[in-house]
Amino acid sequence: NMMGLAAGMTIGGKIPFTGTFANFSTGRVYDQIRQSIAYSHKNVKICA
């Protein structure tokens, strides 16, 4: 949910920095990062 929220916030010009452990920042949320952030080229900073 955090990754989806972050992706949405970029639409309004915000620069979201997400924070959690590296395992939860990538493996747990890979689908959300791929679809909502990378594919959509959203300005999200995934900090792990």
ModelCIF file with pLDDT and N, C-alpha, C, O atoms, coordinates in Angstrom:
data_MODEL
#
_entry.id   MODEL 
#
_entity.id                         1 
_entity.type                       polymer 
_entity.pdbx_number_of_molecules   1 
#
_entity_poly.entity_id                      1 
_entity_poly.type                           'polypeptide(L)' 
_entity_poly.nstd_linkage                   no 
_entity_poly.nstd_monomer                   no 
_entity_poly.pdbx_seq_one_letter_code       NMMGLAAGMTIGGKIPFTGTFANFSTGRVYDQIRQSIAYSHKNVKICA 
_entity_poly.pdbx_seq_one_letter_code_can   NMMGLAAGMTIGGKIPFTGTFANFSTGRVYDQIRQSIAYSHKNVKICA 
_entity_poly.pdbx_strand_id                 A 
#
loop_
_entity_poly_seq.entity_id 
_entity_poly_seq.num 
_entity_poly_seq.mon_id 
_entity_poly_seq.hetero 
1 1  ASN n 
1 2  MET n 
1 3  MET n 
1 4  GLY n 
1 5  LEU n 
1 6  ALA n 
1 7  ALA n 
1 8  GLY n 
1 9  MET n 
1 10 THR n 
1 11 ILE n 
1 12 GLY n 
1 13 GLY n 
1 14 LYS n 
1 15 ILE n 
1 16 PRO n 
1 17 PHE n 
1 18 THR n 
1 19 GLY n 
1 20 THR n 
1 21 PHE n 
1 22 ALA n 
1 23 ASN n 
1 24 PHE n 
1 25 SER n 
1 26 THR n 
1 27 GLY n 
1 28 ARG n 
1 29 VAL n 
1 30 TYR n 
1 31 ASP n 
1 32 GLN n 
1 33 ILE n 
1 34 ARG n 
1 35 GLN n 
1 36 SER n 
1 37 ILE n 
1 38 ALA n 
1 39 TYR n 
1 40 SER n 
1 41 HIS n 
1 42 LYS n 
1 43 ASN n 
1 44 VAL n 
1 45 LYS n 
1 46 ILE n 
1 47 CYS n 
1 48 ALA n 
#
_struct_asym.id          A 
_struct_asym.entity_id   1 
#
loop_
_ma_qa_metric.id 
_ma_qa_metric.mode 
_ma_qa_metric.name 
_ma_qa_metric.software_group_id 
_ma_qa_metric.type 
1 global pLDDT . pLDDT 
2 local  pLDDT . pLDDT 
#
_ma_qa_metric_global.metric_id      1 
_ma_qa_metric_global.metric_value   97.71 
_ma_qa_metric_global.model_id       1 
_ma_qa_metric_global.ordinal_id     1 
#
loop_
_ma_qa_metric_local.label_asym_id 
_ma_qa_metric_local.label_comp_id 
_ma_qa_metric_local.label_seq_id 
_ma_qa_metric_local.metric_id 
_ma_qa_metric_local.metric_value 
_ma_qa_metric_local.model_id 
_ma_qa_metric_local.ordinal_id 
A ASN 1  2 98.00 1 1  
A MET 2  2 98.00 1 2  
A MET 3  2 98.00 1 3  
A GLY 4  2 98.00 1 4  
A LEU 5  2 98.00 1 5  
A ALA 6  2 98.00 1 6  
A ALA 7  2 98.00 1 7  
A GLY 8  2 98.00 1 8  
A MET 9  2 98.00 1 9  
A THR 10 2 98.00 1 10 
A ILE 11 2 97.00 1 11 
A GLY 12 2 94.00 1 12 
A GLY 13 2 97.00 1 13 
A LYS 14 2 98.00 1 14 
A ILE 15 2 98.00 1 15 
A PRO 16 2 98.00 1 16 
A PHE 17 2 98.00 1 17 
A THR 18 2 98.00 1 18 
A GLY 19 2 98.00 1 19 
A THR 20 2 98.00 1 20 
A PHE 21 2 98.00 1 21 
A ALA 22 2 98.00 1 22 
A ASN 23 2 97.00 1 23 
A PHE 24 2 97.00 1 24 
A SER 25 2 98.00 1 25 
A THR 26 2 98.00 1 26 
A GLY 27 2 96.00 1 27 
A ARG 28 2 97.00 1 28 
A VAL 29 2 98.00 1 29 
A TYR 30 2 98.00 1 30 
A ASP 31 2 98.00 1 31 
A GLN 32 2 98.00 1 32 
A ILE 33 2 98.00 1 33 
A ARG 34 2 98.00 1 34 
A GLN 35 2 98.00 1 35 
A SER 36 2 98.00 1 36 
A ILE 37 2 98.00 1 37 
A ALA 38 2 98.00 1 38 
A TYR 39 2 98.00 1 39 
A SER 40 2 96.00 1 40 
A HIS 41 2 97.00 1 41 
A LYS 42 2 98.00 1 42 
A ASN 43 2 98.00 1 43 
A VAL 44 2 98.00 1 44 
A LYS 45 2 98.00 1 45 
A ILE 46 2 98.00 1 46 
A CYS 47 2 98.00 1 47 
A ALA 48 2 98.00 1 48 
#
loop_
_atom_site.group_PDB 
_atom_site.id 
_atom_site.type_symbol 
_atom_site.label_atom_id 
_atom_site.label_alt_id 
_atom_site.label_comp_id 
_atom_site.label_asym_id 
_atom_site.label_entity_id 
_atom_site.label_seq_id 
_atom_site.pdbx_PDB_ins_code 
_atom_site.Cartn_x 
_atom_site.Cartn_y 
_atom_site.Cartn_z 
_atom_site.occupancy 
_atom_site.B_iso_or_equiv 
_atom_site.pdbx_formal_charge 
_atom_site.auth_seq_id 
_atom_site.auth_comp_id 
_atom_site.auth_asym_id 
_atom_site.auth_atom_id 
_atom_site.pdbx_PDB_model_num 
ATOM 1   N N  . ASN A 1 1  ? 0.828  -1.196 0.000   1.00 98.00 ? 1  ASN A N  1 
ATOM 2   C CA . ASN A 1 1  ? 0.000  0.000  0.000   1.00 98.00 ? 1  ASN A CA 1 
ATOM 3   C C  . ASN A 1 1  ? 0.870  1.257  0.000   1.00 98.00 ? 1  ASN A C  1 
ATOM 4   O O  . ASN A 1 1  ? 0.533  2.249  -0.647  1.00 98.00 ? 1  ASN A O  1 
ATOM 5   N N  . MET A 1 2  ? 1.985  1.214  0.724   1.00 98.00 ? 2  MET A N  1 
ATOM 6   C CA . MET A 1 2  ? 2.885  2.363  0.775   1.00 98.00 ? 2  MET A CA 1 
ATOM 7   C C  . MET A 1 2  ? 3.399  2.721  -0.615  1.00 98.00 ? 2  MET A C  1 
ATOM 8   O O  . MET A 1 2  ? 3.473  3.899  -0.967  1.00 98.00 ? 2  MET A O  1 
ATOM 9   N N  . MET A 1 3  ? 3.751  1.714  -1.402  1.00 98.00 ? 3  MET A N  1 
ATOM 10  C CA . MET A 1 3  ? 4.259  1.985  -2.751  1.00 98.00 ? 3  MET A CA 1 
ATOM 11  C C  . MET A 1 3  ? 3.176  2.580  -3.639  1.00 98.00 ? 3  MET A C  1 
ATOM 12  O O  . MET A 1 3  ? 3.444  3.476  -4.440  1.00 98.00 ? 3  MET A O  1 
ATOM 13  N N  . GLY A 1 4  ? 1.964  2.086  -3.499  1.00 98.00 ? 4  GLY A N  1 
ATOM 14  C CA . GLY A 1 4  ? 0.867  2.649  -4.277  1.00 98.00 ? 4  GLY A CA 1 
ATOM 15  C C  . GLY A 1 4  ? 0.565  4.084  -3.882  1.00 98.00 ? 4  GLY A C  1 
ATOM 16  O O  . GLY A 1 4  ? 0.327  4.931  -4.744  1.00 98.00 ? 4  GLY A O  1 
ATOM 17  N N  . LEU A 1 5  ? 0.575  4.361  -2.591  1.00 98.00 ? 5  LEU A N  1 
ATOM 18  C CA . LEU A 1 5  ? 0.358  5.728  -2.115  1.00 98.00 ? 5  LEU A CA 1 
ATOM 19  C C  . LEU A 1 5  ? 1.443  6.667  -2.648  1.00 98.00 ? 5  LEU A C  1 
ATOM 20  O O  . LEU A 1 5  ? 1.161  7.775  -3.105  1.00 98.00 ? 5  LEU A O  1 
ATOM 21  N N  . ALA A 1 6  ? 2.682  6.198  -2.577  1.00 98.00 ? 6  ALA A N  1 
ATOM 22  C CA . ALA A 1 6  ? 3.796  7.026  -3.040  1.00 98.00 ? 6  ALA A CA 1 
ATOM 23  C C  . ALA A 1 6  ? 3.665  7.344  -4.522  1.00 98.00 ? 6  ALA A C  1 
ATOM 24  O O  . ALA A 1 6  ? 3.876  8.482  -4.941  1.00 98.00 ? 6  ALA A O  1 
ATOM 25  N N  . ALA A 1 7  ? 3.317  6.340  -5.308  1.00 98.00 ? 7  ALA A N  1 
ATOM 26  C CA . ALA A 1 7  ? 3.153  6.567  -6.750  1.00 98.00 ? 7  ALA A CA 1 
ATOM 27  C C  . ALA A 1 7  ? 2.068  7.614  -7.006  1.00 98.00 ? 7  ALA A C  1 
ATOM 28  O O  . ALA A 1 7  ? 2.234  8.489  -7.856  1.00 98.00 ? 7  ALA A O  1 
ATOM 29  N N  . GLY A 1 8  ? 0.959  7.522  -6.271  1.00 98.00 ? 8  GLY A N  1 
ATOM 30  C CA . GLY A 1 8  ? -0.125 8.480  -6.457  1.00 98.00 ? 8  GLY A CA 1 
ATOM 31  C C  . GLY A 1 8  ? 0.262  9.895  -6.066  1.00 98.00 ? 8  GLY A C  1 
ATOM 32  O O  . GLY A 1 8  ? -0.171 10.856 -6.702  1.00 98.00 ? 8  GLY A O  1 
ATOM 33  N N  . MET A 1 9  ? 1.073  10.031 -5.028  1.00 98.00 ? 9  MET A N  1 
ATOM 34  C CA . MET A 1 9  ? 1.476  11.359 -4.570  1.00 98.00 ? 9  MET A CA 1 
ATOM 35  C C  . MET A 1 9  ? 2.305  12.111 -5.599  1.00 98.00 ? 9  MET A C  1 
ATOM 36  O O  . MET A 1 9  ? 2.300  13.341 -5.623  1.00 98.00 ? 9  MET A O  1 
ATOM 37  N N  . THR A 1 10 ? 3.012  11.385 -6.442  1.00 98.00 ? 10 THR A N  1 
ATOM 38  C CA . THR A 1 10 ? 3.840  12.064 -7.454  1.00 98.00 ? 10 THR A CA 1 
ATOM 39  C C  . THR A 1 10 ? 2.983  12.811 -8.469  1.00 98.00 ? 10 THR A C  1 
ATOM 40  O O  . THR A 1 10 ? 3.437  13.784 -9.071  1.00 98.00 ? 10 THR A O  1 
ATOM 41  N N  . ILE A 1 11 ? 1.766  12.367 -8.656  1.00 97.00 ? 11 ILE A N  1 
ATOM 42  C CA . ILE A 1 11 ? 0.886  13.012 -9.643  1.00 97.00 ? 11 ILE A CA 1 
ATOM 43  C C  . ILE A 1 11 ? 0.604  14.463 -9.252  1.00 97.00 ? 11 ILE A C  1 
ATOM 44  O O  . ILE A 1 11 ? 0.392  15.317 -10.113 1.00 97.00 ? 11 ILE A O  1 
ATOM 45  N N  . GLY A 1 12 ? 0.605  14.728 -7.956  1.00 94.00 ? 12 GLY A N  1 
ATOM 46  C CA . GLY A 1 12 ? 0.392  16.087 -7.474  1.00 94.00 ? 12 GLY A CA 1 
ATOM 47  C C  . GLY A 1 12 ? 1.672  16.875 -7.290  1.00 94.00 ? 12 GLY A C  1 
ATOM 48  O O  . GLY A 1 12 ? 1.659  17.957 -6.705  1.00 94.00 ? 12 GLY A O  1 
ATOM 49  N N  . GLY A 1 13 ? 2.787  16.336 -7.790  1.00 97.00 ? 13 GLY A N  1 
ATOM 50  C CA . GLY A 1 13 ? 4.049  17.054 -7.719  1.00 97.00 ? 13 GLY A CA 1 
ATOM 51  C C  . GLY A 1 13 ? 4.870  16.789 -6.476  1.00 97.00 ? 13 GLY A C  1 
ATOM 52  O O  . GLY A 1 13 ? 5.911  17.416 -6.278  1.00 97.00 ? 13 GLY A O  1 
ATOM 53  N N  . LYS A 1 14 ? 4.420  15.870 -5.633  1.00 98.00 ? 14 LYS A N  1 
ATOM 54  C CA . LYS A 1 14 ? 5.183  15.539 -4.441  1.00 98.00 ? 14 LYS A CA 1 
ATOM 55  C C  . LYS A 1 14 ? 6.355  14.610 -4.805  1.00 98.00 ? 14 LYS A C  1 
ATOM 56  O O  . LYS A 1 14 ? 6.342  13.925 -5.829  1.00 98.00 ? 14 LYS A O  1 
ATOM 57  N N  . ILE A 1 15 ? 7.368  14.617 -3.920  1.00 98.00 ? 15 ILE A N  1 
ATOM 58  C CA . ILE A 1 15 ? 8.530  13.739 -4.096  1.00 98.00 ? 15 ILE A CA 1 
ATOM 59  C C  . ILE A 1 15 ? 8.545  12.792 -2.905  1.00 98.00 ? 15 ILE A C  1 
ATOM 60  O O  . ILE A 1 15 ? 9.104  13.130 -1.862  1.00 98.00 ? 15 ILE A O  1 
ATOM 61  N N  . PRO A 1 16 ? 7.943  11.610 -3.037  1.00 98.00 ? 16 PRO A N  1 
ATOM 62  C CA . PRO A 1 16 ? 7.818  10.695 -1.905  1.00 98.00 ? 16 PRO A CA 1 
ATOM 63  C C  . PRO A 1 16 ? 9.108  9.902  -1.674  1.00 98.00 ? 16 PRO A C  1 
ATOM 64  O O  . PRO A 1 16 ? 9.724  9.388  -2.607  1.00 98.00 ? 16 PRO A O  1 
ATOM 65  N N  . PHE A 1 17 ? 9.493  9.823  -0.391  1.00 98.00 ? 17 PHE A N  1 
ATOM 66  C CA . PHE A 1 17 ? 10.579 8.965  0.072   1.00 98.00 ? 17 PHE A CA 1 
ATOM 67  C C  . PHE A 1 17 ? 9.956  7.872  0.927   1.00 98.00 ? 17 PHE A C  1 
ATOM 68  O O  . PHE A 1 17 ? 9.403  8.158  1.989   1.00 98.00 ? 17 PHE A O  1 
ATOM 69  N N  . THR A 1 18 ? 10.037 6.623  0.477   1.00 98.00 ? 18 THR A N  1 
ATOM 70  C CA . THR A 1 18 ? 9.493  5.521  1.269   1.00 98.00 ? 18 THR A CA 1 
ATOM 71  C C  . THR A 1 18 ? 10.611 4.912  2.104   1.00 98.00 ? 18 THR A C  1 
ATOM 72  O O  . THR A 1 18 ? 11.764 4.880  1.675   1.00 98.00 ? 18 THR A O  1 
ATOM 73  N N  . GLY A 1 19 ? 10.270 4.430  3.292   1.00 98.00 ? 19 GLY A N  1 
ATOM 74  C CA . GLY A 1 19 ? 11.279 3.867  4.167   1.00 98.00 ? 19 GLY A CA 1 
ATOM 75  C C  . GLY A 1 19 ? 10.846 2.590  4.848   1.00 98.00 ? 19 GLY A C  1 
ATOM 76  O O  . GLY A 1 19 ? 9.831  2.555  5.544   1.00 98.00 ? 19 GLY A O  1 
ATOM 77  N N  . THR A 1 20 ? 11.636 1.521  4.639   1.00 98.00 ? 20 THR A N  1 
ATOM 78  C CA . THR A 1 20 ? 11.485 0.273  5.381   1.00 98.00 ? 20 THR A CA 1 
ATOM 79  C C  . THR A 1 20 ? 12.738 -0.566 5.130   1.00 98.00 ? 20 THR A C  1 
ATOM 80  O O  . THR A 1 20 ? 13.661 -0.112 4.454   1.00 98.00 ? 20 THR A O  1 
ATOM 81  N N  . PHE A 1 21 ? 12.776 -1.781 5.667   1.00 98.00 ? 21 PHE A N  1 
ATOM 82  C CA . PHE A 1 21 ? 13.926 -2.657 5.451   1.00 98.00 ? 21 PHE A CA 1 
ATOM 83  C C  . PHE A 1 21 ? 14.027 -3.019 3.962   1.00 98.00 ? 21 PHE A C  1 
ATOM 84  O O  . PHE A 1 21 ? 13.024 -3.031 3.249   1.00 98.00 ? 21 PHE A O  1 
ATOM 85  N N  . ALA A 1 22 ? 15.240 -3.311 3.508   1.00 98.00 ? 22 ALA A N  1 
ATOM 86  C CA . ALA A 1 22 ? 15.467 -3.606 2.091   1.00 98.00 ? 22 ALA A CA 1 
ATOM 87  C C  . ALA A 1 22 ? 14.646 -4.796 1.610   1.00 98.00 ? 22 ALA A C  1 
ATOM 88  O O  . ALA A 1 22 ? 14.161 -4.807 0.478   1.00 98.00 ? 22 ALA A O  1 
ATOM 89  N N  . ASN A 1 23 ? 14.493 -5.793 2.468   1.00 97.00 ? 23 ASN A N  1 
ATOM 90  C CA . ASN A 1 23 ? 13.715 -6.968 2.064   1.00 97.00 ? 23 ASN A CA 1 
ATOM 91  C C  . ASN A 1 23 ? 12.268 -6.599 1.782   1.00 97.00 ? 23 ASN A C  1 
ATOM 92  O O  . ASN A 1 23 ? 11.662 -7.089 0.829   1.00 97.00 ? 23 ASN A O  1 
ATOM 93  N N  . PHE A 1 24 ? 11.716 -5.714 2.637   1.00 97.00 ? 24 PHE A N  1 
ATOM 94  C CA . PHE A 1 24 ? 10.324 -5.313 2.475   1.00 97.00 ? 24 PHE A CA 1 
ATOM 95  C C  . PHE A 1 24 ? 10.167 -4.214 1.423   1.00 97.00 ? 24 PHE A C  1 
ATOM 96  O O  . PHE A 1 24 ? 9.070  -3.980 0.916   1.00 97.00 ? 24 PHE A O  1 
ATOM 97  N N  . SER A 1 25 ? 11.271 -3.546 1.103   1.00 98.00 ? 25 SER A N  1 
ATOM 98  C CA . SER A 1 25 ? 11.248 -2.476 0.092   1.00 98.00 ? 25 SER A CA 1 
ATOM 99  C C  . SER A 1 25 ? 11.282 -3.013 -1.328  1.00 98.00 ? 25 SER A C  1 
ATOM 100 O O  . SER A 1 25 ? 10.987 -2.287 -2.277  1.00 98.00 ? 25 SER A O  1 
ATOM 101 N N  . THR A 1 26 ? 11.641 -4.278 -1.477  1.00 98.00 ? 26 THR A N  1 
ATOM 102 C CA . THR A 1 26 ? 11.849 -4.833 -2.829  1.00 98.00 ? 26 THR A CA 1 
ATOM 103 C C  . THR A 1 26 ? 11.082 -6.131 -3.034  1.00 98.00 ? 26 THR A C  1 
ATOM 104 O O  . THR A 1 26 ? 10.086 -6.161 -3.757  1.00 98.00 ? 26 THR A O  1 
ATOM 105 N N  . GLY A 1 27 ? 11.543 -7.201 -2.401  1.00 96.00 ? 27 GLY A N  1 
ATOM 106 C CA . GLY A 1 27 ? 10.935 -8.508 -2.628  1.00 96.00 ? 27 GLY A CA 1 
ATOM 107 C C  . GLY A 1 27 ? 9.460  -8.561 -2.296  1.00 96.00 ? 27 GLY A C  1 
ATOM 108 O O  . GLY A 1 27 ? 8.672  -9.125 -3.055  1.00 96.00 ? 27 GLY A O  1 
ATOM 109 N N  . ARG A 1 28 ? 9.076  -7.979 -1.168  1.00 97.00 ? 28 ARG A N  1 
ATOM 110 C CA . ARG A 1 28 ? 7.677  -8.046 -0.731  1.00 97.00 ? 28 ARG A CA 1 
ATOM 111 C C  . ARG A 1 28 ? 6.771  -7.241 -1.641  1.00 97.00 ? 28 ARG A C  1 
ATOM 112 O O  . ARG A 1 28 ? 5.588  -7.561 -1.761  1.00 97.00 ? 28 ARG A O  1 
ATOM 113 N N  . VAL A 1 29 ? 7.287  -6.212 -2.283  1.00 98.00 ? 29 VAL A N  1 
ATOM 114 C CA . VAL A 1 29 ? 6.426  -5.281 -3.026  1.00 98.00 ? 29 VAL A CA 1 
ATOM 115 C C  . VAL A 1 29 ? 6.850  -5.151 -4.491  1.00 98.00 ? 29 VAL A C  1 
ATOM 116 O O  . VAL A 1 29 ? 6.616  -4.121 -5.123  1.00 98.00 ? 29 VAL A O  1 
ATOM 117 N N  . TYR A 1 30 ? 7.467  -6.191 -5.017  1.00 98.00 ? 30 TYR A N  1 
ATOM 118 C CA . TYR A 1 30 ? 8.032  -6.072 -6.365  1.00 98.00 ? 30 TYR A CA 1 
ATOM 119 C C  . TYR A 1 30 ? 6.965  -5.769 -7.419  1.00 98.00 ? 30 TYR A C  1 
ATOM 120 O O  . TYR A 1 30 ? 7.202  -4.983 -8.336  1.00 98.00 ? 30 TYR A O  1 
ATOM 121 N N  . ASP A 1 31 ? 5.825  -6.374 -7.292  1.00 98.00 ? 31 ASP A N  1 
ATOM 122 C CA . ASP A 1 31 ? 4.766  -6.135 -8.280  1.00 98.00 ? 31 ASP A CA 1 
ATOM 123 C C  . ASP A 1 31 ? 4.318  -4.679 -8.255  1.00 98.00 ? 31 ASP A C  1 
ATOM 124 O O  . ASP A 1 31 ? 4.145  -4.062 -9.306  1.00 98.00 ? 31 ASP A O  1 
ATOM 125 N N  . GLN A 1 32 ? 4.132  -4.131 -7.063  1.00 98.00 ? 32 GLN A N  1 
ATOM 126 C CA . GLN A 1 32 ? 3.692  -2.735 -6.960  1.00 98.00 ? 32 GLN A CA 1 
ATOM 127 C C  . GLN A 1 32 ? 4.753  -1.777 -7.505  1.00 98.00 ? 32 GLN A C  1 
ATOM 128 O O  . GLN A 1 32 ? 4.421  -0.795 -8.169  1.00 98.00 ? 32 GLN A O  1 
ATOM 129 N N  . ILE A 1 33 ? 6.031  -2.065 -7.226  1.00 98.00 ? 33 ILE A N  1 
ATOM 130 C CA . ILE A 1 33 ? 7.096  -1.216 -7.760  1.00 98.00 ? 33 ILE A CA 1 
ATOM 131 C C  . ILE A 1 33 ? 7.130  -1.312 -9.282  1.00 98.00 ? 33 ILE A C  1 
ATOM 132 O O  . ILE A 1 33 ? 7.248  -0.300 -9.974  1.00 98.00 ? 33 ILE A O  1 
ATOM 133 N N  . ARG A 1 34 ? 7.025  -2.525 -9.791  1.00 98.00 ? 34 ARG A N  1 
ATOM 134 C CA . ARG A 1 34 ? 7.101  -2.708 -11.253 1.00 98.00 ? 34 ARG A CA 1 
ATOM 135 C C  . ARG A 1 34 ? 5.958  -1.986 -11.960 1.00 98.00 ? 34 ARG A C  1 
ATOM 136 O O  . ARG A 1 34 ? 6.178  -1.250 -12.922 1.00 98.00 ? 34 ARG A O  1 
ATOM 137 N N  . GLN A 1 35 ? 4.745  -2.202 -11.479 1.00 98.00 ? 35 GLN A N  1 
ATOM 138 C CA . GLN A 1 35 ? 3.580  -1.686 -12.190 1.00 98.00 ? 35 GLN A CA 1 
ATOM 139 C C  . GLN A 1 35 ? 3.312  -0.203 -11.919 1.00 98.00 ? 35 GLN A C  1 
ATOM 140 O O  . GLN A 1 35 ? 3.095  0.579  -12.845 1.00 98.00 ? 35 GLN A O  1 
ATOM 141 N N  . SER A 1 36 ? 3.330  0.171  -10.631 1.00 98.00 ? 36 SER A N  1 
ATOM 142 C CA . SER A 1 36 ? 2.888  1.517  -10.264 1.00 98.00 ? 36 SER A CA 1 
ATOM 143 C C  . SER A 1 36 ? 3.996  2.561  -10.294 1.00 98.00 ? 36 SER A C  1 
ATOM 144 O O  . SER A 1 36 ? 3.726  3.752  -10.448 1.00 98.00 ? 36 SER A O  1 
ATOM 145 N N  . ILE A 1 37 ? 5.260  2.113  -10.146 1.00 98.00 ? 37 ILE A N  1 
ATOM 146 C CA . ILE A 1 37 ? 6.365  3.067  -10.070 1.00 98.00 ? 37 ILE A CA 1 
ATOM 147 C C  . ILE A 1 37 ? 7.263  2.999  -11.301 1.00 98.00 ? 37 ILE A C  1 
ATOM 148 O O  . ILE A 1 37 ? 7.439  4.002  -11.993 1.00 98.00 ? 37 ILE A O  1 
ATOM 149 N N  . ALA A 1 38 ? 7.833  1.827  -11.582 1.00 98.00 ? 38 ALA A N  1 
ATOM 150 C CA . ALA A 1 38 ? 8.795  1.735  -12.692 1.00 98.00 ? 38 ALA A CA 1 
ATOM 151 C C  . ALA A 1 38 ? 8.107  1.864  -14.053 1.00 98.00 ? 38 ALA A C  1 
ATOM 152 O O  . ALA A 1 38 ? 8.518  2.675  -14.882 1.00 98.00 ? 38 ALA A O  1 
ATOM 153 N N  . TYR A 1 39 ? 7.073  1.073  -14.278 1.00 98.00 ? 39 TYR A N  1 
ATOM 154 C CA . TYR A 1 39 ? 6.372  1.111  -15.570 1.00 98.00 ? 39 TYR A CA 1 
ATOM 155 C C  . TYR A 1 39 ? 5.775  2.490  -15.827 1.00 98.00 ? 39 TYR A C  1 
ATOM 156 O O  . TYR A 1 39 ? 5.765  2.972  -16.960 1.00 98.00 ? 39 TYR A O  1 
ATOM 157 N N  . SER A 1 40 ? 5.279  3.117  -14.772 1.00 96.00 ? 40 SER A N  1 
ATOM 158 C CA . SER A 1 40 ? 4.670  4.436  -14.900 1.00 96.00 ? 40 SER A CA 1 
ATOM 159 C C  . SER A 1 40 ? 5.689  5.565  -14.767 1.00 96.00 ? 40 SER A C  1 
ATOM 160 O O  . SER A 1 40 ? 5.340  6.738  -14.898 1.00 96.00 ? 40 SER A O  1 
ATOM 161 N N  . HIS A 1 41 ? 6.941  5.216  -14.508 1.00 97.00 ? 41 HIS A N  1 
ATOM 162 C CA . HIS A 1 41 ? 8.042  6.166  -14.346 1.00 97.00 ? 41 HIS A CA 1 
ATOM 163 C C  . HIS A 1 41 ? 7.668  7.272  -13.359 1.00 97.00 ? 41 HIS A C  1 
ATOM 164 O O  . HIS A 1 41 ? 7.742  8.463  -13.663 1.00 97.00 ? 41 HIS A O  1 
ATOM 165 N N  . LYS A 1 42 ? 7.268  6.836  -12.178 1.00 98.00 ? 42 LYS A N  1 
ATOM 166 C CA . LYS A 1 42 ? 6.891  7.795  -11.130 1.00 98.00 ? 42 LYS A CA 1 
ATOM 167 C C  . LYS A 1 42 ? 8.131  8.218  -10.328 1.00 98.00 ? 42 LYS A C  1 
ATOM 168 O O  . LYS A 1 42 ? 9.070  7.441  -10.153 1.00 98.00 ? 42 LYS A O  1 
ATOM 169 N N  . ASN A 1 43 ? 8.111  9.438  -9.859  1.00 98.00 ? 43 ASN A N  1 
ATOM 170 C CA . ASN A 1 43 ? 9.251  10.048 -9.182  1.00 98.00 ? 43 ASN A CA 1 
ATOM 171 C C  . ASN A 1 43 ? 9.287  9.657  -7.703  1.00 98.00 ? 43 ASN A C  1 
ATOM 172 O O  . ASN A 1 43 ? 9.235  10.517 -6.823  1.00 98.00 ? 43 ASN A O  1 
ATOM 173 N N  . VAL A 1 44 ? 9.376  8.352  -7.440  1.00 98.00 ? 44 VAL A N  1 
ATOM 174 C CA . VAL A 1 44 ? 9.381  7.810  -6.084  1.00 98.00 ? 44 VAL A CA 1 
ATOM 175 C C  . VAL A 1 44 ? 10.807 7.416  -5.702  1.00 98.00 ? 44 VAL A C  1 
ATOM 176 O O  . VAL A 1 44 ? 11.533 6.842  -6.513  1.00 98.00 ? 44 VAL A O  1 
ATOM 177 N N  . LYS A 1 45 ? 11.205 7.724  -4.469  1.00 98.00 ? 45 LYS A N  1 
ATOM 178 C CA . LYS A 1 45 ? 12.514 7.357  -3.953  1.00 98.00 ? 45 LYS A CA 1 
ATOM 179 C C  . LYS A 1 45 ? 12.334 6.226  -2.938  1.00 98.00 ? 45 LYS A C  1 
ATOM 180 O O  . LYS A 1 45 ? 11.850 6.450  -1.829  1.00 98.00 ? 45 LYS A O  1 
ATOM 181 N N  . ILE A 1 46 ? 12.724 5.027  -3.322  1.00 98.00 ? 46 ILE A N  1 
ATOM 182 C CA . ILE A 1 46 ? 12.563 3.837  -2.491  1.00 98.00 ? 46 ILE A CA 1 
ATOM 183 C C  . ILE A 1 46 ? 13.826 3.686  -1.651  1.00 98.00 ? 46 ILE A C  1 
ATOM 184 O O  . ILE A 1 46 ? 14.877 3.302  -2.164  1.00 98.00 ? 46 ILE A O  1 
ATOM 185 N N  . CYS A 1 47 ? 13.719 3.988  -0.369  1.00 98.00 ? 47 CYS A N  1 
ATOM 186 C CA . CYS A 1 47 ? 14.892 4.060  0.506   1.00 98.00 ? 47 CYS A CA 1 
ATOM 187 C C  . CYS A 1 47 ? 14.882 2.861  1.450   1.00 98.00 ? 47 CYS A C  1 
ATOM 188 O O  . CYS A 1 47 ? 13.931 2.659  2.205   1.00 98.00 ? 47 CYS A O  1 
ATOM 189 N N  . ALA A 1 48 ? 15.944 2.076  1.398   1.00 98.00 ? 48 ALA A N  1 
ATOM 190 C CA . ALA A 1 48 ? 15.940 0.756  2.017   1.00 98.00 ? 48 ALA A CA 1 
ATOM 191 C C  . ALA A 1 48 ? 17.107 0.568  2.967   1.00 98.00 ? 48 ALA A C  1 
ATOM 192 O O  . ALA A 1 48 ? 17.247 -0.495 3.571   1.00 98.00 ? 48 ALA A O  1 
#
